[in-house]
C-alpha atoms as a PDB file:
ATOM      1  CA  UNK A   1     100.307  91.018-129.601  1.00  0.00           C
ATOM      2  CA  UNK A   2     100.186  88.911-132.775  1.00  0.00           C
ATOM      3  CA  UNK A   3      96.947  88.965-134.815  1.00  0.00           C
ATOM      4  CA  UNK A   4      94.852  85.867-134.244  1.00  0.00           C
ATOM      5  CA  UNK A   5      92.426  84.736-136.920  1.00  0.00           C
ATOM      6  CA  UNK A   6      88.952  84.039-135.597  1.00  0.00           C
ATOM      7  CA  UNK A   7      87.629  80.513-135.723  1.00  0.00           C
ATOM      8  CA  UNK A   8      85.055  81.417-138.435  1.00  0.00           C
ATOM      9  CA  UNK A   9      87.658  83.009-140.682  1.00  0.00           C
ATOM     10  CA  UNK A  10      90.041  80.039-140.690  1.00  0.00           C
ATOM     11  CA  UNK A  11      90.039  77.812-143.773  1.00  0.00           C
ATOM     12  CA  UNK A  12      87.559  75.094-143.082  1.00  0.00           C
ATOM     13  CA  UNK A  13      86.058  77.046-140.190  1.00  0.00           C
ATOM     14  CA  UNK A  14      82.359  77.411-139.322  1.00  0.00           C
ATOM     15  CA  UNK A  15      81.844  80.463-141.578  1.00  0.00           C
ATOM     16  CA  UNK A  16      83.293  78.634-144.572  1.00  0.00           C
ATOM     17  CA  UNK A  17      80.963  75.695-143.988  1.00  0.00           C
ATOM     18  CA  UNK A  18      77.924  77.996-143.818  1.00  0.00           C
ATOM     19  CA  UNK A  19      78.881  79.753-147.057  1.00  0.00           C
ATOM     20  CA  UNK A  20      79.352  76.438-148.835  1.00  0.00           C
ATOM     21  CA  UNK A  21      76.019  75.151-147.542  1.00  0.00           C
ATOM     22  CA  UNK A  22      74.255  78.280-148.798  1.00  0.00           C
ATOM     23  CA  UNK A  23      75.942  77.959-152.185  1.00  0.00           C
ATOM     24  CA  UNK A  24      74.951  74.275-152.477  1.00  0.00           C
ATOM     25  CA  UNK A  25      71.375  75.144-151.594  1.00  0.00           C
ATOM     26  CA  UNK A  26      71.310  77.974-154.152  1.00  0.00           C
ATOM     27  CA  UNK A  27      72.574  75.672-156.892  1.00  0.00           C
ATOM     28  CA  UNK A  28      70.033  73.018-155.968  1.00  0.00           C
ATOM     29  CA  UNK A  29      67.080  75.445-156.246  1.00  0.00           C
ATOM     30  CA  UNK A  30      65.133  75.311-159.530  1.00  0.00           C
ATOM     31  CA  UNK A  31      65.400  78.410-161.740  1.00  0.00           C
ATOM     32  CA  UNK A  32      62.590  80.931-161.316  1.00  0.00           C
ATOM     33  CA  UNK A  33      59.574  80.142-163.456  1.00  0.00           C
ATOM     34  CA  UNK A  34      59.062  82.298-166.510  1.00  0.00           C
ATOM     35  CA  UNK A  35      56.117  84.675-166.222  1.00  0.00           C
ATOM     36  CA  UNK A  36      52.918  83.110-167.495  1.00  0.00           C
ATOM     37  CA  UNK A  37      51.968  84.233-170.981  1.00  0.00           C
ATOM     38  CA  UNK A  38      48.323  85.172-171.116  1.00  0.00           C
ATOM     39  CA  UNK A  39      46.437  83.689-174.028  1.00  0.00           C
ATOM     40  CA  UNK A  40      44.064  86.128-175.619  1.00  0.00           C
ATOM     41  CA  UNK A  41      40.749  84.807-176.885  1.00  0.00           C
ATOM     42  CA  UNK A  42      40.094  87.091-179.824  1.00  0.00           C
ATOM     43  CA  UNK A  43      43.456  86.716-181.564  1.00  0.00           C
ATOM     44  CA  UNK A  44      42.483  83.188-182.603  1.00  0.00           C
ATOM     45  CA  UNK A  45      41.040  83.297-186.129  1.00  0.00           C
ATOM     46  CA  UNK A  46      38.293  80.658-185.616  1.00  0.00           C
ATOM     47  CA  UNK A  47      36.984  82.614-182.628  1.00  0.00           C
ATOM     48  CA  UNK A  48      37.046  85.885-184.520  1.00  0.00           C
ATOM     49  CA  UNK A  49      35.158  84.222-187.377  1.00  0.00           C
ATOM     50  CA  UNK A  50      32.501  82.882-184.997  1.00  0.00           C
ATOM     51  CA  UNK A  51      32.102  86.247-183.278  1.00  0.00           C
ATOM     52  CA  UNK A  52      31.857  88.104-186.606  1.00  0.00           C
ATOM     53  CA  UNK A  53      29.230  85.639-187.844  1.00  0.00           C
ATOM     54  CA  UNK A  54      27.134  86.075-184.689  1.00  0.00           C
ATOM     55  CA  UNK A  55      27.354  89.871-184.965  1.00  0.00           C
ATOM     56  CA  UNK A  56      26.096  89.636-188.536  1.00  0.00           C
ATOM     57  CA  UNK A  57      23.325  87.209-187.626  1.00  0.00           C
ATOM     58  CA  UNK A  58      22.783  86.832-183.860  1.00  0.00           C
ATOM     59  CA  UNK A  59      20.853  84.061-182.101  1.00  0.00           C
ATOM     60  CA  UNK A  60      22.207  81.123-184.054  1.00  0.00           C
ATOM     61  CA  UNK A  61      22.648  77.620-182.692  1.00  0.00           C
ATOM     62  CA  UNK A  62      26.064  75.961-182.751  1.00  0.00           C
ATOM     63  CA  UNK A  63      24.899  73.821-185.679  1.00  0.00           C
ATOM     64  CA  UNK A  64      23.861  76.890-187.680  1.00  0.00           C
ATOM     65  CA  UNK A  65      27.206  78.600-187.043  1.00  0.00           C
ATOM     66  CA  UNK A  66      29.022  75.411-188.028  1.00  0.00           C
ATOM     67  CA  UNK A  67      27.063  75.258-191.281  1.00  0.00           C
ATOM     68  CA  UNK A  68      27.699  78.932-192.087  1.00  0.00           C
ATOM     69  CA  UNK A  69      31.462  78.707-191.417  1.00  0.00           C
ATOM     70  CA  UNK A  70      31.944  75.126-192.635  1.00  0.00           C
ATOM     71  CA  UNK A  71      33.318  74.011-189.292  1.00  0.00           C
ATOM     72  CA  UNK A  72      32.409  70.997-187.200  1.00  0.00           C
ATOM     73  CA  UNK A  73      29.800  71.563-184.498  1.00  0.00           C
ATOM     74  CA  UNK A  74      32.215  70.201-181.866  1.00  0.00           C
ATOM     75  CA  UNK A  75      34.875  72.704-182.905  1.00  0.00           C
ATOM     76  CA  UNK A  76      32.374  75.572-182.846  1.00  0.00           C
ATOM     77  CA  UNK A  77      31.191  74.640-179.350  1.00  0.00           C
ATOM     78  CA  UNK A  78      34.781  74.495-178.078  1.00  0.00           C
ATOM     79  CA  UNK A  79      35.515  78.020-179.330  1.00  0.00           C
ATOM     80  CA  UNK A  80      32.102  79.303-178.183  1.00  0.00           C
ATOM     81  CA  UNK A  81      32.868  78.195-174.618  1.00  0.00           C
ATOM     82  CA  UNK A  82      36.024  80.333-174.644  1.00  0.00           C
ATOM     83  CA  UNK A  83      34.071  83.317-176.001  1.00  0.00           C
ATOM     84  CA  UNK A  84      31.379  82.840-173.338  1.00  0.00           C
ATOM     85  CA  UNK A  85      33.963  82.646-170.554  1.00  0.00           C
ATOM     86  CA  UNK A  86      35.681  85.814-171.786  1.00  0.00           C
ATOM     87  CA  UNK A  87      32.348  87.674-171.872  1.00  0.00           C
ATOM     88  CA  UNK A  88      32.165  88.198-175.629  1.00  0.00           C
ATOM     89  CA  UNK A  89      29.048  86.037-176.046  1.00  0.00           C
ATOM     90  CA  UNK A  90      25.954  85.196-174.049  1.00  0.00           C
ATOM     91  CA  UNK A  91      23.771  82.108-174.252  1.00  0.00           C
ATOM     92  CA  UNK A  92      19.977  82.165-174.547  1.00  0.00           C
ATOM     93  CA  UNK A  93      17.620  79.194-174.514  1.00  0.00           C
ATOM     94  CA  UNK A  94      14.259  78.685-176.145  1.00  0.00           C
ATOM     95  CA  UNK A  95      12.325  75.433-176.618  1.00  0.00           C
ATOM     96  CA  UNK A  96      15.334  73.493-175.262  1.00  0.00           C
ATOM     97  CA  UNK A  97      17.577  74.940-177.996  1.00  0.00           C
ATOM     98  CA  UNK A  98      20.685  77.003-177.127  1.00  0.00           C
ATOM     99  CA  UNK A  99      21.297  80.205-179.067  1.00  0.00           C
ATOM    100  CA  UNK A 100      24.396  82.401-178.962  1.00  0.00           C
ATOM    101  CA  UNK A 101      24.710  86.145-179.479  1.00  0.00           C
ATOM    102  CA  UNK A 102      27.243  88.917-178.798  1.00  0.00           C
ATOM    103  CA  UNK A 103      27.011  90.571-175.397  1.00  0.00           C
ATOM    104  CA  UNK A 104      25.106  93.901-175.442  1.00  0.00           C
ATOM    105  CA  UNK A 105      24.236  93.669-179.143  1.00  0.00           C
ATOM    106  CA  UNK A 106      20.484  93.109-178.641  1.00  0.00           C
ATOM    107  CA  UNK A 107      17.827  94.099-176.135  1.00  0.00           C
ATOM    108  CA  UNK A 108      15.687  91.380-174.514  1.00  0.00           C
ATOM    109  CA  UNK A 109      12.847  92.014-176.969  1.00  0.00           C
ATOM    110  CA  UNK A 110      15.224  91.790-179.912  1.00  0.00           C
ATOM    111  CA  UNK A 111      16.584  88.461-178.693  1.00  0.00           C
ATOM    112  CA  UNK A 112      13.116  86.898-179.077  1.00  0.00           C
ATOM    113  CA  UNK A 113      12.796  88.419-182.554  1.00  0.00           C
ATOM    114  CA  UNK A 114      16.103  87.031-183.819  1.00  0.00           C
ATOM    115  CA  UNK A 115      15.507  83.659-182.185  1.00  0.00           C
ATOM    116  CA  UNK A 116      12.285  83.395-184.191  1.00  0.00           C
ATOM    117  CA  UNK A 117      13.875  84.545-187.444  1.00  0.00           C
ATOM    118  CA  UNK A 118      16.728  82.073-186.965  1.00  0.00           C
ATOM    119  CA  UNK A 119      14.282  79.333-187.976  1.00  0.00           C
ATOM    120  CA  UNK A 120      14.859  79.003-191.759  1.00  0.00           C
ATOM    121  CA  UNK A 121      11.197  78.196-192.515  1.00  0.00           C
ATOM    122  CA  UNK A 122       9.896  81.146-190.490  1.00  0.00           C
ATOM    123  CA  UNK A 123      12.348  83.461-192.229  1.00  0.00           C
ATOM    124  CA  UNK A 124      11.376  82.157-195.670  1.00  0.00           C
ATOM    125  CA  UNK A 125       7.704  82.716-194.843  1.00  0.00           C
ATOM    126  CA  UNK A 126       8.438  86.272-193.762  1.00  0.00           C
ATOM    127  CA  UNK A 127      10.448  86.971-196.917  1.00  0.00           C
ATOM    128  CA  UNK A 128       7.640  85.624-199.153  1.00  0.00           C
ATOM    129  CA  UNK A 129       5.068  87.789-197.395  1.00  0.00           C
ATOM    130  CA  UNK A 130       7.305  90.855-197.683  1.00  0.00           C
ATOM    131  CA  UNK A 131       7.892  90.191-201.378  1.00  0.00           C
ATOM    132  CA  UNK A 132       4.230  89.534-202.185  1.00  0.00           C
ATOM    133  CA  UNK A 133       1.926  91.251-199.665  1.00  0.00           C
ATOM    134  CA  UNK A 134      -1.607  89.910-199.652  1.00  0.00           C
ATOM    135  CA  UNK A 135      -0.780  86.258-200.343  1.00  0.00           C
ATOM    136  CA  UNK A 136      -3.598  83.944-199.377  1.00  0.00           C
ATOM    137  CA  UNK A 137      -3.043  80.942-197.164  1.00  0.00           C
ATOM    138  CA  UNK A 138      -3.195  78.613-200.168  1.00  0.00           C
ATOM    139  CA  UNK A 139      -0.863  80.754-202.277  1.00  0.00           C
ATOM    140  CA  UNK A 140       1.708  80.979-199.490  1.00  0.00           C
ATOM    141  CA  UNK A 141       1.503  77.230-198.865  1.00  0.00           C
ATOM    142  CA  UNK A 142       2.193  76.566-202.545  1.00  0.00           C
ATOM    143  CA  UNK A 143       5.040  79.114-202.667  1.00  0.00           C
ATOM    144  CA  UNK A 144       6.670  77.597-199.591  1.00  0.00           C
ATOM    145  CA  UNK A 145       6.153  73.971-200.610  1.00  0.00           C
ATOM    146  CA  UNK A 146       4.953  72.921-197.153  1.00  0.00           C
ATOM    147  CA  UNK A 147       1.667  71.701-195.684  1.00  0.00           C
ATOM    148  CA  UNK A 148      -1.044  74.069-194.434  1.00  0.00           C
ATOM    149  CA  UNK A 149      -0.514  72.814-190.886  1.00  0.00           C
ATOM    150  CA  UNK A 150       3.229  73.521-190.998  1.00  0.00           C
ATOM    151  CA  UNK A 151       2.586  76.959-192.504  1.00  0.00           C
ATOM    152  CA  UNK A 152       0.070  77.758-189.770  1.00  0.00           C
ATOM    153  CA  UNK A 153       2.684  77.382-187.042  1.00  0.00           C
ATOM    154  CA  UNK A 154       5.300  79.401-188.927  1.00  0.00           C
ATOM    155  CA  UNK A 155       2.960  82.303-189.640  1.00  0.00           C
ATOM    156  CA  UNK A 156       1.624  82.198-186.078  1.00  0.00           C
ATOM    157  CA  UNK A 157       5.111  82.978-184.780  1.00  0.00           C
ATOM    158  CA  UNK A 158       5.331  85.984-187.108  1.00  0.00           C
ATOM    159  CA  UNK A 159       1.890  87.205-186.036  1.00  0.00           C
ATOM    160  CA  UNK A 160       2.844  86.893-182.344  1.00  0.00           C
ATOM    161  CA  UNK A 161       5.790  89.235-182.980  1.00  0.00           C
ATOM    162  CA  UNK A 162       3.589  91.644-184.962  1.00  0.00           C
ATOM    163  CA  UNK A 163       5.772  91.143-188.022  1.00  0.00           C
ATOM    164  CA  UNK A 164       2.772  89.975-190.049  1.00  0.00           C
ATOM    165  CA  UNK A 165      -0.939  90.809-189.919  1.00  0.00           C
ATOM    166  CA  UNK A 166      -3.808  88.621-191.063  1.00  0.00           C
ATOM    167  CA  UNK A 167      -6.354  90.185-193.431  1.00  0.00           C
ATOM    168  CA  UNK A 168      -9.770  88.587-193.864  1.00  0.00           C
ATOM    169  CA  UNK A 169     -10.879  88.777-197.501  1.00  0.00           C
ATOM    170  CA  UNK A 170     -14.231  87.009-197.726  1.00  0.00           C
ATOM    171  CA  UNK A 171     -13.454  83.331-197.339  1.00  0.00           C
ATOM    172  CA  UNK A 172      -9.690  83.913-197.727  1.00  0.00           C
ATOM    173  CA  UNK A 173      -7.059  84.717-195.116  1.00  0.00           C
ATOM    174  CA  UNK A 174      -4.353  86.911-196.530  1.00  0.00           C
ATOM    175  CA  UNK A 175      -1.039  87.946-195.011  1.00  0.00           C
ATOM    176  CA  UNK A 176       0.676  91.320-195.130  1.00  0.00           C
ATOM    177  CA  UNK A 177       3.923  92.563-193.543  1.00  0.00           C
ATOM    178  CA  UNK A 178       3.890  95.267-190.889  1.00  0.00           C
ATOM    179  CA  UNK A 179       6.501  97.989-190.400  1.00  0.00           C
ATOM    180  CA  UNK A 180       7.539  96.676-186.971  1.00  0.00           C
ATOM    181  CA  UNK A 181      10.854  95.302-188.224  1.00  0.00           C
ATOM    182  CA  UNK A 182      11.830  98.636-189.803  1.00  0.00           C
ATOM    183  CA  UNK A 183      10.807 100.447-186.619  1.00  0.00           C
ATOM    184  CA  UNK A 184      12.923  98.121-184.468  1.00  0.00           C
ATOM    185  CA  UNK A 185      15.861  98.644-186.840  1.00  0.00           C
ATOM    186  CA  UNK A 186      15.665 102.413-186.326  1.00  0.00           C
ATOM    187  CA  UNK A 187      15.472 101.982-182.554  1.00  0.00           C
ATOM    188  CA  UNK A 188      18.422  99.596-182.559  1.00  0.00           C
ATOM    189  CA  UNK A 189      20.708 102.274-183.998  1.00  0.00           C
ATOM    190  CA  UNK A 190      20.723 103.868-180.534  1.00  0.00           C
ATOM    191  CA  UNK A 191      22.433 100.754-179.116  1.00  0.00           C
ATOM    192  CA  UNK A 192      25.332 100.890-181.566  1.00  0.00           C
ATOM    193  CA  UNK A 193      27.555 103.187-179.472  1.00  0.00           C
ATOM    194  CA  UNK A 194      26.852 101.158-176.315  1.00  0.00           C
ATOM    195  CA  UNK A 195      27.739  97.886-178.056  1.00  0.00           C
ATOM    196  CA  UNK A 196      30.917  99.399-179.507  1.00  0.00           C
ATOM    197  CA  UNK A 197      32.033 100.679-176.081  1.00  0.00           C
ATOM    198  CA  UNK A 198      31.239  97.357-174.382  1.00  0.00           C
ATOM    199  CA  UNK A 199      33.181  95.450-177.032  1.00  0.00           C
ATOM    200  CA  UNK A 200      36.163  97.775-176.666  1.00  0.00           C
ATOM    201  CA  UNK A 201      36.146  97.138-172.891  1.00  0.00           C
ATOM    202  CA  UNK A 202      35.959  93.362-173.384  1.00  0.00           C
ATOM    203  CA  UNK A 203      38.844  93.452-175.871  1.00  0.00           C
ATOM    204  CA  UNK A 204      40.987  95.415-173.397  1.00  0.00           C
ATOM    205  CA  UNK A 205      40.230  92.868-170.675  1.00  0.00           C
ATOM    206  CA  UNK A 206      41.223  90.156-173.148  1.00  0.00           C
ATOM    207  CA  UNK A 207      44.662  91.767-173.368  1.00  0.00           C
ATOM    208  CA  UNK A 208      44.565  92.678-177.045  1.00  0.00           C
ATOM    209  CA  UNK A 209      45.271  96.441-176.751  1.00  0.00           C
ATOM    210  CA  UNK A 210      42.455  97.338-179.175  1.00  0.00           C
ATOM    211  CA  UNK A 211      42.216 100.518-181.193  1.00  0.00           C
ATOM    212  CA  UNK A 212      39.415 101.633-183.495  1.00  0.00           C
ATOM    213  CA  UNK A 213      40.542 102.010-187.096  1.00  0.00           C
ATOM    214  CA  UNK A 214      37.235 102.882-188.753  1.00  0.00           C
ATOM    215  CA  UNK A 215      33.611 103.400-187.739  1.00  0.00           C
ATOM    216  CA  UNK A 216      30.893 103.025-190.378  1.00  0.00           C
ATOM    217  CA  UNK A 217      27.118 103.280-189.958  1.00  0.00           C
ATOM    218  CA  UNK A 218      26.764  99.485-189.844  1.00  0.00           C
ATOM    219  CA  UNK A 219      30.173  98.205-188.775  1.00  0.00           C
ATOM    220  CA  UNK A 220      33.325  98.956-186.815  1.00  0.00           C
ATOM    221  CA  UNK A 221      36.924  97.910-187.530  1.00  0.00           C
ATOM    222  CA  UNK A 222      39.328  97.234-184.643  1.00  0.00           C
ATOM    223  CA  UNK A 223      43.060  96.641-184.679  1.00  0.00           C
ATOM    224  CA  UNK A 224      44.165  94.106-182.058  1.00  0.00           C
ATOM    225  CA  UNK A 225      47.664  93.617-180.678  1.00  0.00           C
ATOM    226  CA  UNK A 226      49.173  91.358-178.021  1.00  0.00           C
ATOM    227  CA  UNK A 227      52.973  91.252-177.946  1.00  0.00           C
ATOM    228  CA  UNK A 228      54.313  90.516-181.430  1.00  0.00           C
ATOM    229  CA  UNK A 229      50.933  89.281-182.649  1.00  0.00           C
ATOM    230  CA  UNK A 230      48.385  91.551-184.269  1.00  0.00           C
ATOM    231  CA  UNK A 231      45.184  91.237-186.246  1.00  0.00           C
ATOM    232  CA  UNK A 232      42.058  93.118-187.273  1.00  0.00           C
ATOM    233  CA  UNK A 233      38.454  92.544-186.277  1.00  0.00           C
ATOM    234  CA  UNK A 234      35.576  93.979-188.318  1.00  0.00           C
ATOM    235  CA  UNK A 235      32.125  93.372-186.914  1.00  0.00           C
ATOM    236  CA  UNK A 236      28.614  94.350-187.900  1.00  0.00           C
ATOM    237  CA  UNK A 237      26.810  96.629-185.466  1.00  0.00           C
ATOM    238  CA  UNK A 238      23.509  96.344-187.344  1.00  0.00           C
ATOM    239  CA  UNK A 239      22.010  92.820-187.361  1.00  0.00           C
ATOM    240  CA  UNK A 240      18.885  94.227-189.033  1.00  0.00           C
ATOM    241  CA  UNK A 241      20.889  94.429-192.220  1.00  0.00           C
ATOM    242  CA  UNK A 242      20.543  90.625-192.314  1.00  0.00           C
ATOM    243  CA  UNK A 243      16.950  90.586-191.006  1.00  0.00           C
ATOM    244  CA  UNK A 244      15.711  93.019-193.658  1.00  0.00           C
ATOM    245  CA  UNK A 245      17.696  91.531-196.511  1.00  0.00           C
ATOM    246  CA  UNK A 246      15.496  89.789-199.094  1.00  0.00           C
ATOM    247  CA  UNK A 247      17.700  86.676-199.160  1.00  0.00           C
END
C-alpha cells in the first residue's frame, strides 16, 4: 500500500500553518527586559561626604551640612532622603528643627547633647568656659560679644546638661566646666563595635560588598565594591573628638 502523507505534514497543511503562526508570534514579542541594575546609595560621592560629615559631627541640620561641605541645602536634602531611606541616617527633631545623625552612632541621651552643642553660640560658650574656668557672667558676656540675656539662655542649656556648673562668688556668678563630657566620651567607646557592625550590615544591604581595611581607635576604613565600581569610606566612630576639641 503506497505511503500517504498526513494532512498536517503536507506543504501548506494545518501543521505548517501552526508553525508559521508560532514563529510570527515569537518574532512579534519584545525582547526580554535586561535585569534591573540596583543603584547603591553609598557609592555616590556626595552621599559619602554627607555621611562622613555627620559621623564626625552628628546632629547637624541640612543647612549646617551644606555650609560645612559647600553644597546647596536643596542638594543636601535630596541626598539625605536617600540615606534616610537606605537606613544609614535617622532624623531627630527639636524646637521644630530637623537634625540628622548616623544610625546607631549615639544613644538617646547623647542625641540631646549633640543637638545642644550643634548651636554655634552654645558651643562657643562651652569652649570659653573650658578654656577659662571661673569666668564671671560679665567676663563671659564680654568674651562672647553678646548680651547678658542671650548669654543666660546659652549657659542655661549647658547647665541643664550638667556640662557647666554655676559657682556663687559673693555678688558674682562664675561658670566652671564639669567632667560630664569626658565621662560620656569614655562610655561612648563601648558603642563603637556596635556602630561598626550595624554600618557593615547596612552597607551589605546596600549592595556594596563592604570589607574592613583598617580599624583605628577613632575611625574605621571600609572598601566598597559594586560590579566594576569601587570606592573607600572612612568614617569617625568617635564624635566626642569634635565635641572635646577646643575649636
